[in-house]
């Protein structure tokens, strides 16, 4: 089972996967120029959500779900040290459907415009 750990000190923020630093996936989407963060919704937490999901469930699924994963999981990590297991991540994605388009684009698609 995969284990993700985050540690925040006054000097550094570290996120590891199985005790190896989690690699940023800026090739998928560059959401934060300041690195990882958690405990709120913003660019650092979104990047962390994307990178964890890319590692755990693959690029395509990560791109479709990182926003909701951030809002429902990463933003709720309120401590300076946390651990997430791979099965917790998978469970957090159950029943989540995210559409990568604006509401107007979705409505136009449904209307056949």
PDB file of N, CA and C in Angstrom:
ATOM      1  N   UNK A   1       0.844  -1.186   0.000  1.00  0.00           N
ATOM      2  CA  UNK A   1       0.000   0.000   0.000  1.00  0.00           C
ATOM      3  C   UNK A   1       0.884   1.243   0.000  1.00  0.00           C
ATOM      4  N   UNK A   2       0.517   2.201  -0.814  1.00  0.00           N
ATOM      5  CA  UNK A   2       1.264   3.446  -0.937  1.00  0.00           C
ATOM      6  C   UNK A   2       0.943   4.366   0.230  1.00  0.00           C
ATOM      7  N   UNK A   3       1.972   5.020   0.768  1.00  0.00           N
ATOM      8  CA  UNK A   3       1.795   5.946   1.880  1.00  0.00           C
ATOM      9  C   UNK A   3       2.360   7.311   1.498  1.00  0.00           C
ATOM     10  N   UNK A   4       1.515   8.335   1.611  1.00  0.00           N
ATOM     11  CA  UNK A   4       1.905   9.722   1.349  1.00  0.00           C
ATOM     12  C   UNK A   4       2.001  10.427   2.689  1.00  0.00           C
ATOM     13  N   UNK A   5       3.090  11.203   2.888  1.00  0.00           N
ATOM     14  CA  UNK A   5       3.293  11.927   4.142  1.00  0.00           C
ATOM     15  C   UNK A   5       3.636  13.374   3.837  1.00  0.00           C
ATOM     16  N   UNK A   6       3.047  14.263   4.610  1.00  0.00           N
ATOM     17  CA  UNK A   6       3.374  15.674   4.508  1.00  0.00           C
ATOM     18  C   UNK A   6       3.879  16.189   5.837  1.00  0.00           C
ATOM     19  N   UNK A   7       4.930  17.009   5.777  1.00  0.00           N
ATOM     20  CA  UNK A   7       5.496  17.619   6.982  1.00  0.00           C
ATOM     21  C   UNK A   7       5.775  19.084   6.676  1.00  0.00           C
ATOM     22  N   UNK A   8       5.264  19.964   7.531  1.00  0.00           N
ATOM     23  CA  UNK A   8       5.513  21.396   7.405  1.00  0.00           C
ATOM     24  C   UNK A   8       6.269  21.866   8.647  1.00  0.00           C
ATOM     25  N   UNK A   9       7.426  22.498   8.410  1.00  0.00           N
ATOM     26  CA  UNK A   9       8.170  23.143   9.495  1.00  0.00           C
ATOM     27  C   UNK A   9       8.297  24.618   9.140  1.00  0.00           C
ATOM     28  N   UNK A  10       8.940  25.378   9.992  1.00  0.00           N
ATOM     29  CA  UNK A  10       9.133  26.788   9.691  1.00  0.00           C
ATOM     30  C   UNK A  10      10.076  26.983   8.512  1.00  0.00           C
ATOM     31  N   UNK A  11      10.922  25.988   8.223  1.00  0.00           N
ATOM     32  CA  UNK A  11      11.892  26.097   7.141  1.00  0.00           C
ATOM     33  C   UNK A  11      11.452  25.461   5.826  1.00  0.00           C
ATOM     34  N   UNK A  12      10.673  24.381   5.887  1.00  0.00           N
ATOM     35  CA  UNK A  12      10.421  23.597   4.673  1.00  0.00           C
ATOM     36  C   UNK A  12       9.087  22.863   4.740  1.00  0.00           C
ATOM     37  N   UNK A  13       8.556  22.601   3.545  1.00  0.00           N
ATOM     38  CA  UNK A  13       7.398  21.723   3.405  1.00  0.00           C
ATOM     39  C   UNK A  13       7.869  20.526   2.598  1.00  0.00           C
ATOM     40  N   UNK A  14       7.629  19.334   3.134  1.00  0.00           N
ATOM     41  CA  UNK A  14       8.079  18.112   2.490  1.00  0.00           C
ATOM     42  C   UNK A  14       6.896  17.169   2.300  1.00  0.00           C
ATOM     43  N   UNK A  15       6.778  16.609   1.101  1.00  0.00           N
ATOM     44  CA  UNK A  15       5.762  15.592   0.826  1.00  0.00           C
ATOM     45  C   UNK A  15       6.477  14.401   0.210  1.00  0.00           C
ATOM     46  N   UNK A  16       6.250  13.224   0.794  1.00  0.00           N
ATOM     47  CA  UNK A  16       6.885  12.013   0.296  1.00  0.00           C
ATOM     48  C   UNK A  16       5.845  10.965  -0.058  1.00  0.00           C
ATOM     49  N   UNK A  17       6.263  10.047  -0.919  1.00  0.00           N
ATOM     50  CA  UNK A  17       5.472   8.868  -1.236  1.00  0.00           C
ATOM     51  C   UNK A  17       6.378   7.675  -0.956  1.00  0.00           C
ATOM     52  N   UNK A  18       5.965   6.848  -0.004  1.00  0.00           N
ATOM     53  CA  UNK A  18       6.786   5.722   0.452  1.00  0.00           C
ATOM     54  C   UNK A  18       8.203   6.185   0.786  1.00  0.00           C
ATOM     55  N   UNK A  19       8.289   7.302   1.501  1.00  0.00           N
ATOM     56  CA  UNK A  19       9.537   7.893   2.008  1.00  0.00           C
ATOM     57  C   UNK A  19      10.472   8.445   0.929  1.00  0.00           C
ATOM     58  N   UNK A  20       9.973   8.627  -0.283  1.00  0.00           N
ATOM     59  CA  UNK A  20      10.721   9.240  -1.376  1.00  0.00           C
ATOM     60  C   UNK A  20       9.996  10.538  -1.740  1.00  0.00           C
ATOM     61  N   UNK A  21      10.709  11.635  -1.986  1.00  0.00           N
ATOM     62  CA  UNK A  21      10.020  12.892  -2.311  1.00  0.00           C
ATOM     63  C   UNK A  21       9.043  12.739  -3.483  1.00  0.00           C
ATOM     64  N   UNK A  22       7.831  13.266  -3.302  1.00  0.00           N
ATOM     65  CA  UNK A  22       6.830  13.276  -4.368  1.00  0.00           C
ATOM     66  C   UNK A  22       7.298  14.238  -5.448  1.00  0.00           C
ATOM     67  N   UNK A  23       7.310  13.776  -6.681  1.00  0.00           N
ATOM     68  CA  UNK A  23       7.785  14.593  -7.793  1.00  0.00           C
ATOM     69  C   UNK A  23       6.671  15.468  -8.347  1.00  0.00           C
ATOM     70  N   UNK A  24       6.908  16.759  -8.483  1.00  0.00           N
ATOM     71  CA  UNK A  24       5.906  17.643  -9.085  1.00  0.00           C
ATOM     72  C   UNK A  24       5.614  17.224 -10.524  1.00  0.00           C
ATOM     73  N   UNK A  25       4.354  17.313 -10.907  1.00  0.00           N
ATOM     74  CA  UNK A  25       3.940  16.964 -12.258  1.00  0.00           C
ATOM     75  C   UNK A  25       3.532  18.216 -13.014  1.00  0.00           C
ATOM     76  N   UNK A  26       4.459  19.151 -13.111  1.00  0.00           N
ATOM     77  CA  UNK A  26       4.200  20.398 -13.812  1.00  0.00           C
ATOM     78  C   UNK A  26       3.958  20.177 -15.297  1.00  0.00           C
ATOM     79  N   UNK A  27       4.360  19.004 -15.800  1.00  0.00           N
ATOM     80  CA  UNK A  27       4.095  18.662 -17.188  1.00  0.00           C
ATOM     81  C   UNK A  27       2.600  18.439 -17.435  1.00  0.00           C
ATOM     82  N   UNK A  28       1.877  18.026 -16.398  1.00  0.00           N
ATOM     83  CA  UNK A  28       0.423  17.854 -16.515  1.00  0.00           C
ATOM     84  C   UNK A  28      -0.287  19.194 -16.435  1.00  0.00           C
ATOM     85  N   UNK A  29       0.029  19.936 -15.396  1.00  0.00           N
ATOM     86  CA  UNK A  29      -0.542  21.262 -15.206  1.00  0.00           C
ATOM     87  C   UNK A  29       0.277  21.970 -14.141  1.00  0.00           C
ATOM     88  N   UNK A  30       0.764  23.146 -14.448  1.00  0.00           N
ATOM     89  CA  UNK A  30       1.525  23.951 -13.487  1.00  0.00           C
ATOM     90  C   UNK A  30       0.547  24.847 -12.754  1.00  0.00           C
ATOM     91  N   UNK A  31       0.207  24.452 -11.535  1.00  0.00           N
ATOM     92  CA  UNK A  31      -0.787  25.174 -10.749  1.00  0.00           C
ATOM     93  C   UNK A  31      -0.168  26.067  -9.692  1.00  0.00           C
ATOM     94  N   UNK A  32       1.058  25.749  -9.280  1.00  0.00           N
ATOM     95  CA  UNK A  32       1.706  26.519  -8.216  1.00  0.00           C
ATOM     96  C   UNK A  32       3.182  26.703  -8.521  1.00  0.00           C
ATOM     97  N   UNK A  33       3.626  27.935  -8.445  1.00  0.00           N
ATOM     98  CA  UNK A  33       5.052  28.209  -8.594  1.00  0.00           C
ATOM     99  C   UNK A  33       5.763  28.206  -7.243  1.00  0.00           C
ATOM    100  N   UNK A  34       4.971  28.104  -6.169  1.00  0.00           N
ATOM    101  CA  UNK A  34       5.531  28.144  -4.817  1.00  0.00           C
ATOM    102  C   UNK A  34       5.639  26.782  -4.149  1.00  0.00           C
ATOM    103  N   UNK A  35       5.295  25.705  -4.847  1.00  0.00           N
ATOM    104  CA  UNK A  35       5.386  24.375  -4.260  1.00  0.00           C
ATOM    105  C   UNK A  35       4.093  23.947  -3.588  1.00  0.00           C
ATOM    106  N   UNK A  36       4.199  22.912  -2.780  1.00  0.00           N
ATOM    107  CA  UNK A  36       3.035  22.287  -2.157  1.00  0.00           C
ATOM    108  C   UNK A  36       2.576  23.039  -0.917  1.00  0.00           C
ATOM    109  N   UNK A  37       1.297  22.886  -0.631  1.00  0.00           N
ATOM    110  CA  UNK A  37       0.671  23.362   0.605  1.00  0.00           C
ATOM    111  C   UNK A  37      -0.566  22.518   0.844  1.00  0.00           C
ATOM    112  N   UNK A  38      -1.190  22.700   2.011  1.00  0.00           N
ATOM    113  CA  UNK A  38      -2.434  22.017   2.340  1.00  0.00           C
ATOM    114  C   UNK A  38      -3.139  22.789   3.430  1.00  0.00           C
ATOM    115  N   UNK A  39      -4.385  22.407   3.713  1.00  0.00           N
ATOM    116  CA  UNK A  39      -5.154  23.055   4.774  1.00  0.00           C
ATOM    117  C   UNK A  39      -6.074  24.154   4.289  1.00  0.00           C
ATOM    118  N   UNK A  40      -6.114  24.408   2.998  1.00  0.00           N
ATOM    119  CA  UNK A  40      -6.992  25.415   2.405  1.00  0.00           C
ATOM    120  C   UNK A  40      -7.095  25.111   0.906  1.00  0.00           C
ATOM    121  N   UNK A  41      -7.919  25.837   0.196  1.00  0.00           N
ATOM    122  CA  UNK A  41      -8.039  25.695  -1.250  1.00  0.00           C
ATOM    123  C   UNK A  41      -7.235  26.813  -1.898  1.00  0.00           C
ATOM    124  N   UNK A  42      -6.276  26.441  -2.728  1.00  0.00           N
ATOM    125  CA  UNK A  42      -5.430  27.414  -3.402  1.00  0.00           C
ATOM    126  C   UNK A  42      -4.470  26.704  -4.334  1.00  0.00           C
ATOM    127  N   UNK A  43      -3.543  27.444  -4.918  1.00  0.00           N
ATOM    128  CA  UNK A  43      -2.654  26.877  -5.939  1.00  0.00           C
ATOM    129  C   UNK A  43      -1.748  25.771  -5.391  1.00  0.00           C
ATOM    130  N   UNK A  44      -1.140  25.972  -4.231  1.00  0.00           N
ATOM    131  CA  UNK A  44      -0.281  24.939  -3.636  1.00  0.00           C
ATOM    132  C   UNK A  44      -1.029  23.661  -3.316  1.00  0.00           C
ATOM    133  N   UNK A  45      -2.199  23.749  -2.666  1.00  0.00           N
ATOM    134  CA  UNK A  45      -2.991  22.542  -2.418  1.00  0.00           C
ATOM    135  C   UNK A  45      -3.494  21.876  -3.703  1.00  0.00           C
ATOM    136  N   UNK A  46      -3.860  22.670  -4.711  1.00  0.00           N
ATOM    137  CA  UNK A  46      -4.285  22.074  -5.982  1.00  0.00           C
ATOM    138  C   UNK A  46      -3.134  21.301  -6.623  1.00  0.00           C
ATOM    139  N   UNK A  47      -1.914  21.855  -6.590  1.00  0.00           N
ATOM    140  CA  UNK A  47      -0.767  21.149  -7.164  1.00  0.00           C
ATOM    141  C   UNK A  47      -0.511  19.851  -6.413  1.00  0.00           C
ATOM    142  N   UNK A  48      -0.608  19.889  -5.092  1.00  0.00           N
ATOM    143  CA  UNK A  48      -0.418  18.689  -4.291  1.00  0.00           C
ATOM    144  C   UNK A  48      -1.468  17.645  -4.638  1.00  0.00           C
ATOM    145  N   UNK A  49      -2.712  18.051  -4.749  1.00  0.00           N
ATOM    146  CA  UNK A  49      -3.791  17.119  -5.085  1.00  0.00           C
ATOM    147  C   UNK A  49      -3.530  16.479  -6.448  1.00  0.00           C
ATOM    148  N   UNK A  50      -3.170  17.290  -7.437  1.00  0.00           N
ATOM    149  CA  UNK A  50      -2.895  16.776  -8.776  1.00  0.00           C
ATOM    150  C   UNK A  50      -1.746  15.775  -8.751  1.00  0.00           C
ATOM    151  N   UNK A  51      -0.668  16.114  -8.066  1.00  0.00           N
ATOM    152  CA  UNK A  51       0.523  15.266  -8.075  1.00  0.00           C
ATOM    153  C   UNK A  51       0.303  13.961  -7.324  1.00  0.00           C
ATOM    154  N   UNK A  52      -0.409  14.004  -6.208  1.00  0.00           N
ATOM    155  CA  UNK A  52      -0.739  12.765  -5.492  1.00  0.00           C
ATOM    156  C   UNK A  52      -1.611  11.878  -6.370  1.00  0.00           C
ATOM    157  N   UNK A  53      -2.653  12.453  -6.967  1.00  0.00           N
ATOM    158  CA  UNK A  53      -3.542  11.650  -7.804  1.00  0.00           C
ATOM    159  C   UNK A  53      -2.831  11.097  -9.025  1.00  0.00           C
ATOM    160  N   UNK A  54      -1.965  11.891  -9.661  1.00  0.00           N
ATOM    161  CA  UNK A  54      -1.232  11.398 -10.824  1.00  0.00           C
ATOM    162  C   UNK A  54      -0.404  10.173 -10.446  1.00  0.00           C
ATOM    163  N   UNK A  55       0.204  10.229  -9.285  1.00  0.00           N
ATOM    164  CA  UNK A  55       1.010   9.101  -8.825  1.00  0.00           C
ATOM    165  C   UNK A  55       0.132   7.903  -8.480  1.00  0.00           C
ATOM    166  N   UNK A  56      -0.983   8.156  -7.845  1.00  0.00           N
ATOM    167  CA  UNK A  56      -1.822   7.072  -7.320  1.00  0.00           C
ATOM    168  C   UNK A  56      -2.759   6.460  -8.359  1.00  0.00           C
ATOM    169  N   UNK A  57      -3.388   7.294  -9.201  1.00  0.00           N
ATOM    170  CA  UNK A  57      -4.436   6.771 -10.092  1.00  0.00           C
ATOM    171  C   UNK A  57      -4.189   7.064 -11.571  1.00  0.00           C
ATOM    172  N   UNK A  58      -3.092   7.732 -11.897  1.00  0.00           N
ATOM    173  CA  UNK A  58      -2.767   8.005 -13.293  1.00  0.00           C
ATOM    174  C   UNK A  58      -3.120   9.413 -13.721  1.00  0.00           C
ATOM    175  N   UNK A  59      -2.479   9.841 -14.801  1.00  0.00           N
ATOM    176  CA  UNK A  59      -2.579  11.228 -15.270  1.00  0.00           C
ATOM    177  C   UNK A  59      -4.000  11.639 -15.634  1.00  0.00           C
ATOM    178  N   UNK A  60      -4.654  10.838 -16.431  1.00  0.00           N
ATOM    179  CA  UNK A  60      -5.988  11.219 -16.919  1.00  0.00           C
ATOM    180  C   UNK A  60      -6.990  11.370 -15.779  1.00  0.00           C
ATOM    181  N   UNK A  61      -7.011  10.385 -14.903  1.00  0.00           N
ATOM    182  CA  UNK A  61      -7.938  10.448 -13.761  1.00  0.00           C
ATOM    183  C   UNK A  61      -7.565  11.595 -12.829  1.00  0.00           C
ATOM    184  N   UNK A  62      -6.277  11.866 -12.689  1.00  0.00           N
ATOM    185  CA  UNK A  62      -5.830  12.969 -11.844  1.00  0.00           C
ATOM    186  C   UNK A  62      -6.335  14.303 -12.381  1.00  0.00           C
ATOM    187  N   UNK A  63      -6.197  14.512 -13.683  1.00  0.00           N
ATOM    188  CA  UNK A  63      -6.637  15.773 -14.285  1.00  0.00           C
ATOM    189  C   UNK A  63      -8.141  15.975 -14.145  1.00  0.00           C
ATOM    190  N   UNK A  64      -8.887  14.904 -14.126  1.00  0.00           N
ATOM    191  CA  UNK A  64     -10.334  15.014 -13.998  1.00  0.00           C
ATOM    192  C   UNK A  64     -10.849  15.147 -12.582  1.00  0.00           C
ATOM    193  N   UNK A  65      -9.987  14.879 -11.588  1.00  0.00           N
ATOM    194  CA  UNK A  65     -10.472  14.830 -10.209  1.00  0.00           C
ATOM    195  C   UNK A  65      -9.691  15.657  -9.199  1.00  0.00           C
ATOM    196  N   UNK A  66      -8.619  16.324  -9.619  1.00  0.00           N
ATOM    197  CA  UNK A  66      -7.773  16.985  -8.620  1.00  0.00           C
ATOM    198  C   UNK A  66      -8.490  18.109  -7.883  1.00  0.00           C
ATOM    199  N   UNK A  67      -9.399  18.810  -8.545  1.00  0.00           N
ATOM    200  CA  UNK A  67     -10.089  19.916  -7.862  1.00  0.00           C
ATOM    201  C   UNK A  67     -10.937  19.401  -6.699  1.00  0.00           C
ATOM    202  N   UNK A  68     -11.751  18.406  -6.969  1.00  0.00           N
ATOM    203  CA  UNK A  68     -12.607  17.876  -5.906  1.00  0.00           C
ATOM    204  C   UNK A  68     -11.776  17.183  -4.830  1.00  0.00           C
ATOM    205  N   UNK A  69     -10.679  16.498  -5.224  1.00  0.00           N
ATOM    206  CA  UNK A  69      -9.809  15.864  -4.237  1.00  0.00           C
ATOM    207  C   UNK A  69      -9.174  16.919  -3.333  1.00  0.00           C
ATOM    208  N   UNK A  70      -8.783  18.031  -3.902  1.00  0.00           N
ATOM    209  CA  UNK A  70      -8.229  19.119  -3.103  1.00  0.00           C
ATOM    210  C   UNK A  70      -9.270  19.645  -2.129  1.00  0.00           C
ATOM    211  N   UNK A  71     -10.442  19.966  -2.649  1.00  0.00           N
ATOM    212  CA  UNK A  71     -11.478  20.575  -1.814  1.00  0.00           C
ATOM    213  C   UNK A  71     -11.982  19.636  -0.728  1.00  0.00           C
ATOM    214  N   UNK A  72     -12.050  18.342  -1.019  1.00  0.00           N
ATOM    215  CA  UNK A  72     -12.605  17.381  -0.074  1.00  0.00           C
ATOM    216  C   UNK A  72     -11.575  16.704   0.823  1.00  0.00           C
ATOM    217  N   UNK A  73     -10.306  16.726   0.430  1.00  0.00           N
ATOM    218  CA  UNK A  73      -9.287  16.014   1.215  1.00  0.00           C
ATOM    219  C   UNK A  73      -8.113  16.920   1.581  1.00  0.00           C
ATOM    220  N   UNK A  74      -7.411  17.441   0.598  1.00  0.00           N
ATOM    221  CA  UNK A  74      -6.190  18.213   0.859  1.00  0.00           C
ATOM    222  C   UNK A  74      -6.486  19.475   1.672  1.00  0.00           C
ATOM    223  N   UNK A  75      -7.546  20.169   1.351  1.00  0.00           N
ATOM    224  CA  UNK A  75      -7.898  21.394   2.088  1.00  0.00           C
ATOM    225  C   UNK A  75      -8.286  21.101   3.533  1.00  0.00           C
ATOM    226  N   UNK A  76      -8.649  19.876   3.819  1.00  0.00           N
ATOM    227  CA  UNK A  76      -9.072  19.508   5.183  1.00  0.00           C
ATOM    228  C   UNK A  76      -7.932  18.974   6.042  1.00  0.00           C
ATOM    229  N   UNK A  77      -6.746  18.894   5.486  1.00  0.00           N
ATOM    230  CA  UNK A  77      -5.574  18.489   6.266  1.00  0.00           C
ATOM    231  C   UNK A  77      -5.114  19.709   7.049  1.00  0.00           C
ATOM    232  N   UNK A  78      -5.450  19.784   8.310  1.00  0.00           N
ATOM    233  CA  UNK A  78      -5.236  20.997   9.113  1.00  0.00           C
ATOM    234  C   UNK A  78      -4.013  20.947  10.022  1.00  0.00           C
ATOM    235  N   UNK A  79      -3.254  19.849   9.976  1.00  0.00           N
ATOM    236  CA  UNK A  79      -2.087  19.727  10.850  1.00  0.00           C
ATOM    237  C   UNK A  79      -0.803  19.867  10.038  1.00  0.00           C
ATOM    238  N   UNK A  80       0.306  20.089  10.728  1.00  0.00           N
ATOM    239  CA  UNK A  80       1.594  20.233  10.059  1.00  0.00           C
ATOM    240  C   UNK A  80       2.185  18.892   9.617  1.00  0.00           C
ATOM    241  N   UNK A  81       1.652  17.789  10.151  1.00  0.00           N
ATOM    242  CA  UNK A  81       2.092  16.449   9.773  1.00  0.00           C
ATOM    243  C   UNK A  81       0.856  15.627   9.472  1.00  0.00           C
ATOM    244  N   UNK A  82       0.859  14.946   8.325  1.00  0.00           N
ATOM    245  CA  UNK A  82      -0.279  14.104   7.953  1.00  0.00           C
ATOM    246  C   UNK A  82       0.198  12.897   7.169  1.00  0.00           C
ATOM    247  N   UNK A  83      -0.665  11.878   7.120  1.00  0.00           N
ATOM    248  CA  UNK A  83      -0.408  10.655   6.367  1.00  0.00           C
ATOM    249  C   UNK A  83      -1.688  10.289   5.631  1.00  0.00           C
ATOM    250  N   UNK A  84      -1.566   9.973   4.352  1.00  0.00           N
ATOM    251  CA  UNK A  84      -2.679   9.450   3.558  1.00  0.00           C
ATOM    252  C   UNK A  84      -2.235   8.139   2.939  1.00  0.00           C
ATOM    253  N   UNK A  85      -3.086   7.134   3.039  1.00  0.00           N
ATOM    254  CA  UNK A  85      -2.816   5.841   2.423  1.00  0.00           C
ATOM    255  C   UNK A  85      -3.514   5.773   1.066  1.00  0.00           C
ATOM    256  N   UNK A  86      -2.975   4.967   0.174  1.00  0.00           N
ATOM    257  CA  UNK A  86      -3.530   4.828  -1.158  1.00  0.00           C
ATOM    258  C   UNK A  86      -4.996   4.450  -1.166  1.00  0.00           C
ATOM    259  N   UNK A  87      -5.416   3.566  -0.258  1.00  0.00           N
ATOM    260  CA  UNK A  87      -6.831   3.167  -0.237  1.00  0.00           C
ATOM    261  C   UNK A  87      -7.730   4.310   0.226  1.00  0.00           C
ATOM    262  N   UNK A  88      -7.238   5.193   1.076  1.00  0.00           N
ATOM    263  CA  UNK A  88      -8.015   6.375   1.476  1.00  0.00           C
ATOM    264  C   UNK A  88      -8.234   7.300   0.273  1.00  0.00           C
ATOM    265  N   UNK A  89      -7.228   7.423  -0.552  1.00  0.00           N
ATOM    266  CA  UNK A  89      -7.328   8.280  -1.732  1.00  0.00           C
ATOM    267  C   UNK A  89      -8.354   7.718  -2.696  1.00  0.00           C
ATOM    268  N   UNK A  90      -8.275   6.422  -2.935  1.00  0.00           N
ATOM    269  CA  UNK A  90      -9.233   5.778  -3.828  1.00  0.00           C
ATOM    270  C   UNK A  90     -10.658   5.923  -3.298  1.00  0.00           C
ATOM    271  N   UNK A  91     -10.844   5.747  -2.012  1.00  0.00           N
ATOM    272  CA  UNK A  91     -12.179   5.891  -1.414  1.00  0.00           C
ATOM    273  C   UNK A  91     -12.699   7.315  -1.554  1.00  0.00           C
ATOM    274  N   UNK A  92     -11.809   8.293  -1.471  1.00  0.00           N
ATOM    275  CA  UNK A  92     -12.241   9.693  -1.576  1.00  0.00           C
ATOM    276  C   UNK A  92     -12.725  10.015  -2.991  1.00  0.00           C
ATOM    277  N   UNK A  93     -12.314   9.228  -3.976  1.00  0.00           N
ATOM    278  CA  UNK A  93     -12.712   9.466  -5.361  1.00  0.00           C
ATOM    279  C   UNK A  93     -13.994   8.728  -5.746  1.00  0.00           C
ATOM    280  N   UNK A  94     -14.435   7.811  -4.926  1.00  0.00           N
ATOM    281  CA  UNK A  94     -15.637   7.032  -5.236  1.00  0.00           C
ATOM    282  C   UNK A  94     -16.836   7.961  -5.364  1.00  0.00           C
ATOM    283  N   UNK A  95     -17.528   7.850  -6.444  1.00  0.00           N
ATOM    284  CA  UNK A  95     -18.747   8.629  -6.652  1.00  0.00           C
ATOM    285  C   UNK A  95     -18.529  10.057  -7.083  1.00  0.00           C
ATOM    286  N   UNK A  96     -17.279  10.448  -7.332  1.00  0.00           N
ATOM    287  CA  UNK A  96     -16.991  11.815  -7.758  1.00  0.00           C
ATOM    288  C   UNK A  96     -16.942  11.854  -9.275  1.00  0.00           C
ATOM    289  N   UNK A  97     -17.694  12.760  -9.846  1.00  0.00           N
ATOM    290  CA  UNK A  97     -17.647  12.985 -11.286  1.00  0.00           C
ATOM    291  C   UNK A  97     -17.326  14.453 -11.502  1.00  0.00           C
ATOM    292  N   UNK A  98     -16.240  14.705 -12.198  1.00  0.00           N
ATOM    293  CA  UNK A  98     -15.848  16.085 -12.461  1.00  0.00           C
ATOM    294  C   UNK A  98     -15.782  16.283 -13.960  1.00  0.00           C
ATOM    295  N   UNK A  99     -16.320  17.372 -14.421  1.00  0.00           N
ATOM    296  CA  UNK A  99     -16.361  17.688 -15.848  1.00  0.00           C
ATOM    297  C   UNK A  99     -15.367  18.807 -16.109  1.00  0.00           C
ATOM    298  N   UNK A 100     -14.485  18.597 -17.078  1.00  0.00           N
ATOM    299  CA  UNK A 100     -13.444  19.579 -17.388  1.00  0.00           C
ATOM    300  C   UNK A 100     -13.916  20.592 -18.417  1.00  0.00           C
ATOM    301  N   UNK A 101     -15.006  21.291 -18.099  1.00  0.00           N
ATOM    302  CA  UNK A 101     -15.502  22.365 -18.948  1.00  0.00           C
ATOM    303  C   UNK A 101     -16.362  23.277 -18.099  1.00  0.00           C
ATOM    304  N   UNK A 102     -16.608  24.449 -18.608  1.00  0.00           N
ATOM    305  CA  UNK A 102     -17.450  25.387 -17.875  1.00  0.00           C
ATOM    306  C   UNK A 102     -18.899  24.918 -17.937  1.00  0.00           C
ATOM    307  N   UNK A 103     -19.718  25.469 -17.081  1.00  0.00           N
ATOM    308  CA  UNK A 103     -21.140  25.130 -17.081  1.00  0.00           C
ATOM    309  C   UNK A 103     -21.772  25.479 -18.421  1.00  0.00           C
ATOM    310  N   UNK A 104     -21.400  26.623 -18.975  1.00  0.00           N
ATOM    311  CA  UNK A 104     -21.947  27.033 -20.274  1.00  0.00           C
ATOM    312  C   UNK A 104     -21.559  26.047 -21.379  1.00  0.00           C
ATOM    313  N   UNK A 105     -20.306  25.609 -21.369  1.00  0.00           N
ATOM    314  CA  UNK A 105     -19.861  24.621 -22.356  1.00  0.00           C
ATOM    315  C   UNK A 105     -20.619  23.307 -22.202  1.00  0.00           C
ATOM    316  N   UNK A 106     -20.820  22.884 -20.972  1.00  0.00           N
ATOM    317  CA  UNK A 106     -21.569  21.654 -20.709  1.00  0.00           C
ATOM    318  C   UNK A 106     -23.010  21.780 -21.188  1.00  0.00           C
ATOM    319  N   UNK A 107     -23.646  22.893 -20.881  1.00  0.00           N
ATOM    320  CA  UNK A 107     -25.031  23.092 -21.313  1.00  0.00           C
ATOM    321  C   UNK A 107     -25.137  23.125 -22.843  1.00  0.00           C
ATOM    322  N   UNK A 108     -24.201  23.794 -23.501  1.00  0.00           N
ATOM    323  CA  UNK A 108     -24.200  23.815 -24.960  1.00  0.00           C
ATOM    324  C   UNK A 108     -24.017  22.418 -25.543  1.00  0.00           C
ATOM    325  N   UNK A 109     -23.187  21.618 -24.907  1.00  0.00           N
ATOM    326  CA  UNK A 109     -22.967  20.248 -25.377  1.00  0.00           C
ATOM    327  C   UNK A 109     -24.247  19.418 -25.220  1.00  0.00           C
ATOM    328  N   UNK A 110     -24.919  19.564 -24.098  1.00  0.00           N
ATOM    329  CA  UNK A 110     -26.155  18.841 -23.851  1.00  0.00           C
ATOM    330  C   UNK A 110     -27.238  19.294 -24.827  1.00  0.00           C
ATOM    331  N   UNK A 111     -27.277  20.581 -25.115  1.00  0.00           N
ATOM    332  CA  UNK A 111     -28.263  21.137 -26.043  1.00  0.00           C
ATOM    333  C   UNK A 111     -27.940  20.807 -27.504  1.00  0.00           C
ATOM    334  N   UNK A 112     -26.709  20.355 -27.752  1.00  0.00           N
ATOM    335  CA  UNK A 112     -26.304  20.048 -29.105  1.00  0.00           C
ATOM    336  C   UNK A 112     -25.908  21.267 -29.914  1.00  0.00           C
ATOM    337  N   UNK A 113     -25.515  22.316 -29.215  1.00  0.00           N
ATOM    338  CA  UNK A 113     -25.137  23.578 -29.879  1.00  0.00           C
ATOM    339  C   UNK A 113     -23.708  23.488 -30.353  1.00  0.00           C
TER     340      UNK A 113
END
